[in-house]
C-alpha atoms as a PDB file:
ATOM      1  CA  MET A   1      95.424  77.668  -0.718  1.00  0.00           C
ATOM      2  CA  THR A   2      94.836  77.219  -4.342  1.00  0.00           C
ATOM      3  CA  THR A   3      91.661  77.352  -6.446  1.00  0.00           C
ATOM      4  CA  GLN A   4      91.264  76.171 -10.036  1.00  0.00           C
ATOM      5  CA  ARG A   5      93.327  79.089 -11.498  1.00  0.00           C
ATOM      6  CA  LEU A   6      94.523  81.060  -8.527  1.00  0.00           C
ATOM      7  CA  SER A   7      96.793  80.952  -5.484  1.00  0.00           C
ATOM      8  CA  LEU A   8      95.590  82.602  -2.308  1.00  0.00           C
ATOM      9  CA  ARG A   9      98.106  83.516   0.379  1.00  0.00           C
ATOM     10  CA  ARG A  10      98.590  86.018   3.179  1.00  0.00           C
ATOM     11  CA  LEU A  11      99.424  89.504   1.900  1.00  0.00           C
ATOM     12  CA  GLU A  12     102.934  90.607   2.771  1.00  0.00           C
ATOM     13  CA  VAL A  13     104.533  94.031   3.251  1.00  0.00           C
ATOM     14  CA  ALA A  14     106.575  93.232   0.135  1.00  0.00           C
ATOM     15  CA  ASP A  15     103.271  93.234  -1.842  1.00  0.00           C
ATOM     16  CA  ALA A  16     102.629  96.918  -1.297  1.00  0.00           C
ATOM     17  CA  GLN A  17     104.100  97.992  -4.639  1.00  0.00           C
ATOM     18  CA  ALA A  18     102.089  95.384  -6.559  1.00  0.00           C
ATOM     19  CA  THR A  19      98.845  96.353  -4.905  1.00  0.00           C
ATOM     20  CA  TRP A  20      99.556 100.071  -5.516  1.00  0.00           C
ATOM     21  CA  GLU A  21      99.916  99.448  -9.241  1.00  0.00           C
ATOM     22  CA  TYR A  22      96.123  98.873  -9.577  1.00  0.00           C
ATOM     23  CA  ARG A  23      94.853 100.575  -6.471  1.00  0.00           C
ATOM     24  CA  LYS A  24      96.080 103.914  -7.876  1.00  0.00           C
ATOM     25  CA  LEU A  25      93.757 103.596 -10.881  1.00  0.00           C
ATOM     26  CA  PRO A  26      90.813 105.998 -10.688  1.00  0.00           C
ATOM     27  CA  GLU A  27      88.287 103.208 -11.527  1.00  0.00           C
ATOM     28  CA  VAL A  28      89.583 101.280  -8.395  1.00  0.00           C
ATOM     29  CA  GLN A  29      90.078 104.257  -6.111  1.00  0.00           C
ATOM     30  CA  ARG A  30      86.455 105.244  -6.680  1.00  0.00           C
ATOM     31  CA  TRP A  31      85.233 102.516  -4.393  1.00  0.00           C
ATOM     32  CA  ILE A  32      88.065 101.517  -2.080  1.00  0.00           C
ATOM     33  CA  THR A  33      88.025 102.726   1.497  1.00  0.00           C
ATOM     34  CA  SER A  34      91.105 104.899   1.268  1.00  0.00           C
ATOM     35  CA  CYS A  35      93.139 106.293  -1.635  1.00  0.00           C
ATOM     36  CA  ALA A  36      96.494 107.931  -1.813  1.00  0.00           C
ATOM     37  CA  GLU A  37      98.124 110.547  -3.995  1.00  0.00           C
ATOM     38  CA  ASP A  38     101.378 108.605  -4.499  1.00  0.00           C
ATOM     39  CA  PHE A  39     103.214 105.421  -3.433  1.00  0.00           C
ATOM     40  CA  PRO A  40     104.876 106.853  -0.295  1.00  0.00           C
ATOM     41  CA  GLN A  41     101.486 107.909   1.044  1.00  0.00           C
ATOM     42  CA  TYR A  42      99.976 104.577   0.067  1.00  0.00           C
ATOM     43  CA  LEU A  43     102.760 102.677   1.742  1.00  0.00           C
ATOM     44  CA  GLU A  44     102.142 104.704   4.937  1.00  0.00           C
ATOM     45  CA  GLN A  45      98.449 103.855   4.818  1.00  0.00           C
ATOM     46  CA  PHE A  46      99.190 100.211   3.995  1.00  0.00           C
ATOM     47  CA  LEU A  47     101.458  99.907   7.031  1.00  0.00           C
ATOM     48  CA  GLU A  48      99.242 101.914   9.397  1.00  0.00           C
ATOM     49  CA  ALA A  49      96.129  99.918   8.513  1.00  0.00           C
ATOM     50  CA  ARG A  50      98.139  96.725   8.816  1.00  0.00           C
ATOM     51  CA  ARG A  51      96.552  95.648   5.580  1.00  0.00           C
ATOM     52  CA  TYR A  52      98.987  92.773   5.338  1.00  0.00           C
ATOM     53  CA  ALA A  53      97.552  91.396   8.598  1.00  0.00           C
ATOM     54  CA  HIS A  54      94.066  90.784   7.228  1.00  0.00           C
ATOM     55  CA  ASP A  55      94.219  90.747   3.469  1.00  0.00           C
ATOM     56  CA  VAL A  56      94.684  87.680   1.188  1.00  0.00           C
ATOM     57  CA  ALA A  57      96.842  88.118  -1.877  1.00  0.00           C
ATOM     58  CA  VAL A  58      95.142  86.788  -4.986  1.00  0.00           C
ATOM     59  CA  GLN A  59      97.678  85.552  -7.534  1.00  0.00           C
ATOM     60  CA  LEU A  60      97.113  84.250 -11.053  1.00  0.00           C
ATOM     61  CA  LEU A  61      99.343  81.329 -11.948  1.00  0.00           C
ATOM     62  CA  ASP A  62     100.685  81.259 -15.506  1.00  0.00           C
ATOM     63  CA  ALA A  63     101.746  78.205 -17.529  1.00  0.00           C
ATOM     64  CA  GLN A  64     105.271  78.391 -16.136  1.00  0.00           C
ATOM     65  CA  GLY A  65     104.065  78.468 -12.528  1.00  0.00           C
ATOM     66  CA  GLN A  66     104.841  82.169 -12.142  1.00  0.00           C
ATOM     67  CA  ALA A  67     102.457  84.061  -9.878  1.00  0.00           C
ATOM     68  CA  GLN A  68     101.091  87.524 -10.769  1.00  0.00           C
ATOM     69  CA  LEU A  69      99.296  89.452  -7.977  1.00  0.00           C
ATOM     70  CA  ILE A  70      95.958  90.519  -9.415  1.00  0.00           C
ATOM     71  CA  GLY A  71      93.978  91.570  -6.326  1.00  0.00           C
ATOM     72  CA  THR A  72      93.364  91.225  -2.642  1.00  0.00           C
ATOM     73  CA  VAL A  73      90.489  89.991  -0.529  1.00  0.00           C
ATOM     74  CA  MET A  74      90.152  91.421   2.979  1.00  0.00           C
ATOM     75  CA  VAL A  75      89.146  89.010   5.764  1.00  0.00           C
ATOM     76  CA  LYS A  76      88.500  90.704   9.084  1.00  0.00           C
ATOM     77  CA  VAL A  77      87.405  88.242  11.727  1.00  0.00           C
ATOM     78  CA  LYS A  78      85.229  89.972  14.226  1.00  0.00           C
ATOM     79  CA  ASP A  79      82.700  89.328  16.992  1.00  0.00           C
ATOM     80  CA  GLY A  80      79.035  88.652  16.394  1.00  0.00           C
ATOM     81  CA  TRP A  81      76.312  90.258  18.424  1.00  0.00           C
ATOM     82  CA  GLY A  82      74.862  88.658  21.520  1.00  0.00           C
ATOM     83  CA  GLN A  83      73.380  89.382  24.876  1.00  0.00           C
ATOM     84  CA  ARG A  84      75.744  90.201  27.701  1.00  0.00           C
ATOM     85  CA  GLU A  85      75.364  86.833  29.536  1.00  0.00           C
ATOM     86  CA  ILE A  86      76.578  84.875  26.533  1.00  0.00           C
ATOM     87  CA  ALA A  87      78.814  87.409  24.931  1.00  0.00           C
ATOM     88  CA  GLY A  88      81.750  85.050  25.120  1.00  0.00           C
ATOM     89  CA  ALA A  89      80.115  82.770  22.508  1.00  0.00           C
ATOM     90  CA  THR A  90      80.038  85.683  20.043  1.00  0.00           C
ATOM     91  CA  ARG A  91      83.848  86.169  19.998  1.00  0.00           C
ATOM     92  CA  GLY A  92      85.487  85.778  16.600  1.00  0.00           C
ATOM     93  CA  VAL A  93      82.590  83.981  14.876  1.00  0.00           C
ATOM     94  CA  GLU A  94      82.158  86.084  11.722  1.00  0.00           C
ATOM     95  CA  ALA A  95      84.172  87.802   9.046  1.00  0.00           C
ATOM     96  CA  GLU A  96      83.770  90.963   7.104  1.00  0.00           C
ATOM     97  CA  ILE A  97      85.109  90.551   3.609  1.00  0.00           C
ATOM     98  CA  GLY A  98      85.885  93.075   0.903  1.00  0.00           C
ATOM     99  CA  TRP A  99      88.058  93.135  -2.191  1.00  0.00           C
ATOM    100  CA  SER A 100      89.916  95.080  -4.825  1.00  0.00           C
ATOM    101  CA  PHE A 101      91.162  93.741  -8.135  1.00  0.00           C
ATOM    102  CA  ASN A 102      93.198  94.941 -11.001  1.00  0.00           C
ATOM    103  CA  PRO A 103      90.636  95.774 -13.732  1.00  0.00           C
ATOM    104  CA  GLN A 104      93.019  94.370 -16.385  1.00  0.00           C
ATOM    105  CA  TYR A 105      92.002  90.918 -15.155  1.00  0.00           C
ATOM    106  CA  GLY A 106      88.263  91.577 -14.981  1.00  0.00           C
ATOM    107  CA  GLY A 107      85.407  89.818 -16.702  1.00  0.00           C
ATOM    108  CA  VAL A 108      86.831  86.253 -16.581  1.00  0.00           C
ATOM    109  CA  GLY A 109      85.667  85.115 -13.128  1.00  0.00           C
ATOM    110  CA  TYR A 110      88.878  85.596 -11.094  1.00  0.00           C
ATOM    111  CA  ALA A 111      87.211  87.790  -8.493  1.00  0.00           C
ATOM    112  CA  SER A 112      84.349  85.265  -8.036  1.00  0.00           C
ATOM    113  CA  GLU A 113      86.843  82.400  -7.770  1.00  0.00           C
ATOM    114  CA  ALA A 114      88.968  84.182  -5.245  1.00  0.00           C
ATOM    115  CA  VAL A 115      85.980  85.310  -3.049  1.00  0.00           C
ATOM    116  CA  ARG A 116      84.613  81.806  -3.181  1.00  0.00           C
ATOM    117  CA  GLY A 117      88.014  80.530  -2.043  1.00  0.00           C
ATOM    118  CA  VAL A 118      88.088  83.054   0.858  1.00  0.00           C
ATOM    119  CA  ILE A 119      84.538  82.057   1.876  1.00  0.00           C
ATOM    120  CA  GLU A 120      85.613  78.436   1.874  1.00  0.00           C
ATOM    121  CA  LEU A 121      88.570  79.405   4.133  1.00  0.00           C
ATOM    122  CA  CYS A 122      86.171  81.254   6.445  1.00  0.00           C
ATOM    123  CA  PHE A 123      83.704  78.359   6.811  1.00  0.00           C
ATOM    124  CA  GLY A 124      86.381  75.605   6.600  1.00  0.00           C
ATOM    125  CA  PRO A 125      89.660  76.056   8.463  1.00  0.00           C
ATOM    126  CA  LEU A 126      88.661  79.299  10.284  1.00  0.00           C
ATOM    127  CA  GLY A 127      85.358  77.719  11.443  1.00  0.00           C
ATOM    128  CA  LEU A 128      83.297  80.932  11.224  1.00  0.00           C
ATOM    129  CA  ARG A 129      79.551  80.958  11.221  1.00  0.00           C
ATOM    130  CA  ARG A 130      78.846  84.066   9.107  1.00  0.00           C
ATOM    131  CA  VAL A 131      80.474  86.234   6.399  1.00  0.00           C
ATOM    132  CA  VAL A 132      79.340  89.814   5.685  1.00  0.00           C
ATOM    133  CA  ALA A 133      80.242  92.261   2.915  1.00  0.00           C
ATOM    134  CA  GLU A 134      79.153  95.848   2.339  1.00  0.00           C
ATOM    135  CA  CYS A 135      79.431  98.303  -0.519  1.00  0.00           C
ATOM    136  CA  PHE A 136      78.014 101.520  -1.893  1.00  0.00           C
ATOM    137  CA  ALA A 137      74.795 100.746  -3.772  1.00  0.00           C
ATOM    138  CA  GLU A 138      76.228 102.485  -6.835  1.00  0.00           C
ATOM    139  CA  ASN A 139      79.132  99.939  -6.915  1.00  0.00           C
ATOM    140  CA  GLU A 140      77.182  97.481  -9.000  1.00  0.00           C
ATOM    141  CA  PRO A 141      80.124  95.203  -9.854  1.00  0.00           C
ATOM    142  CA  SER A 142      80.745  94.665  -6.173  1.00  0.00           C
ATOM    143  CA  TRP A 143      77.172  93.787  -5.229  1.00  0.00           C
ATOM    144  CA  ARG A 144      76.835  91.602  -8.355  1.00  0.00           C
ATOM    145  CA  LEU A 145      79.885  89.714  -7.210  1.00  0.00           C
ATOM    146  CA  MET A 146      78.263  89.207  -3.801  1.00  0.00           C
ATOM    147  CA  GLU A 147      75.211  87.763  -5.480  1.00  0.00           C
ATOM    148  CA  ARG A 148      77.269  85.521  -7.817  1.00  0.00           C
ATOM    149  CA  VAL A 149      79.000  83.857  -4.895  1.00  0.00           C
ATOM    150  CA  GLY A 150      75.639  83.208  -3.152  1.00  0.00           C
ATOM    151  CA  MET A 151      75.531  85.963  -0.618  1.00  0.00           C
ATOM    152  CA  ARG A 152      72.030  87.312   0.316  1.00  0.00           C
ATOM    153  CA  ARG A 153      71.200  90.946   0.412  1.00  0.00           C
ATOM    154  CA  GLU A 154      70.274  91.738   4.041  1.00  0.00           C
ATOM    155  CA  GLY A 155      70.175  95.510   3.994  1.00  0.00           C
ATOM    156  CA  TYR A 156      69.777  98.518   1.876  1.00  0.00           C
ATOM    157  CA  SER A 157      70.355 101.820   3.670  1.00  0.00           C
ATOM    158  CA  LYS A 158      69.680 105.316   2.358  1.00  0.00           C
ATOM    159  CA  ARG A 159      72.533 107.759   2.326  1.00  0.00           C
ATOM    160  CA  ASP A 160      74.419 106.195   5.163  1.00  0.00           C
ATOM    161  CA  GLY A 161      77.949 106.381   3.758  1.00  0.00           C
ATOM    162  CA  LEU A 162      79.904 109.541   2.843  1.00  0.00           C
ATOM    163  CA  HIS A 163      81.829 109.083  -0.325  1.00  0.00           C
ATOM    164  CA  ARG A 164      85.087 110.971  -0.839  1.00  0.00           C
ATOM    165  CA  ASN A 165      83.285 112.967  -3.586  1.00  0.00           C
ATOM    166  CA  GLY A 166      81.321 114.637  -0.773  1.00  0.00           C
ATOM    167  CA  GLN A 167      78.000 112.854  -1.456  1.00  0.00           C
ATOM    168  CA  TRP A 168      76.081 110.796   1.025  1.00  0.00           C
ATOM    169  CA  MET A 169      75.436 107.475  -0.771  1.00  0.00           C
ATOM    170  CA  ASP A 170      73.154 104.500  -0.287  1.00  0.00           C
ATOM    171  CA  GLY A 171      74.731 101.341   1.023  1.00  0.00           C
ATOM    172  CA  MET A 172      74.133  97.604   0.759  1.00  0.00           C
ATOM    173  CA  THR A 173      74.931  94.681   3.051  1.00  0.00           C
ATOM    174  CA  TYR A 174      75.110  91.102   2.017  1.00  0.00           C
ATOM    175  CA  ALA A 175      75.826  88.030   4.145  1.00  0.00           C
ATOM    176  CA  LEU A 176      76.132  84.269   4.170  1.00  0.00           C
ATOM    177  CA  LEU A 177      75.829  81.649   6.932  1.00  0.00           C
ATOM    178  CA  ALA A 178      78.054  78.567   7.126  1.00  0.00           C
ATOM    179  CA  GLU A 179      75.160  76.196   6.965  1.00  0.00           C
ATOM    180  CA  GLU A 180      74.077  77.777   3.652  1.00  0.00           C
ATOM    181  CA  TRP A 181      77.477  77.412   2.029  1.00  0.00           C
ATOM    182  CA  PRO A 182      77.596  73.709   1.237  1.00  0.00           C
ATOM    183  CA  THR A 183      74.191  73.894  -0.505  1.00  0.00           C
ATOM    184  CA  LEU A 184      75.203  76.620  -2.962  1.00  0.00           C
ATOM    185  CA  PRO A 185      76.409  75.844  -6.504  1.00  0.00           C
ATOM    186  CA  LYS A 186      80.259  76.402  -6.699  1.00  0.00           C
ATOM    187  CA  HIS A 187      80.529  77.418 -10.348  1.00  0.00           C
END
């Protein structure tokens, strides 16, 4: 799919090198779920986690129509919670989303545009009822992005996540329901 300035497509194994180019940066590695020492280790993690199976490649289109990969947005479709007798109705109804972007392209709204596009995909073609995102509370750019795209803070937990620096950190959870999405401003 395309947005105003971006192209969104399935991530492919061939994109591993392009994603490594920004995911190896300390300011990106600080917040992503896993980091690697070098490209061979990253490629192993990329393949093992099957990142290409649930990540969307975010590409910036230049004036000549060339696409530059500037980030990824994870979309993991998962089950909701429900009581046992109706558990079947909870299958595959929500998505967890997350993202990483090349900081070189920060500050001009590309991340917001891409995440809005992914939310539109979740509530449109995928027909999901709920989208959830989580981050460390200290990752202010991430939770600010969640708020910019209209997600609501649903939880703040104390020292529930262990960061690779050895510290237990506070966490934040944001969510959005499908019925809320059409009513939100899209700018």
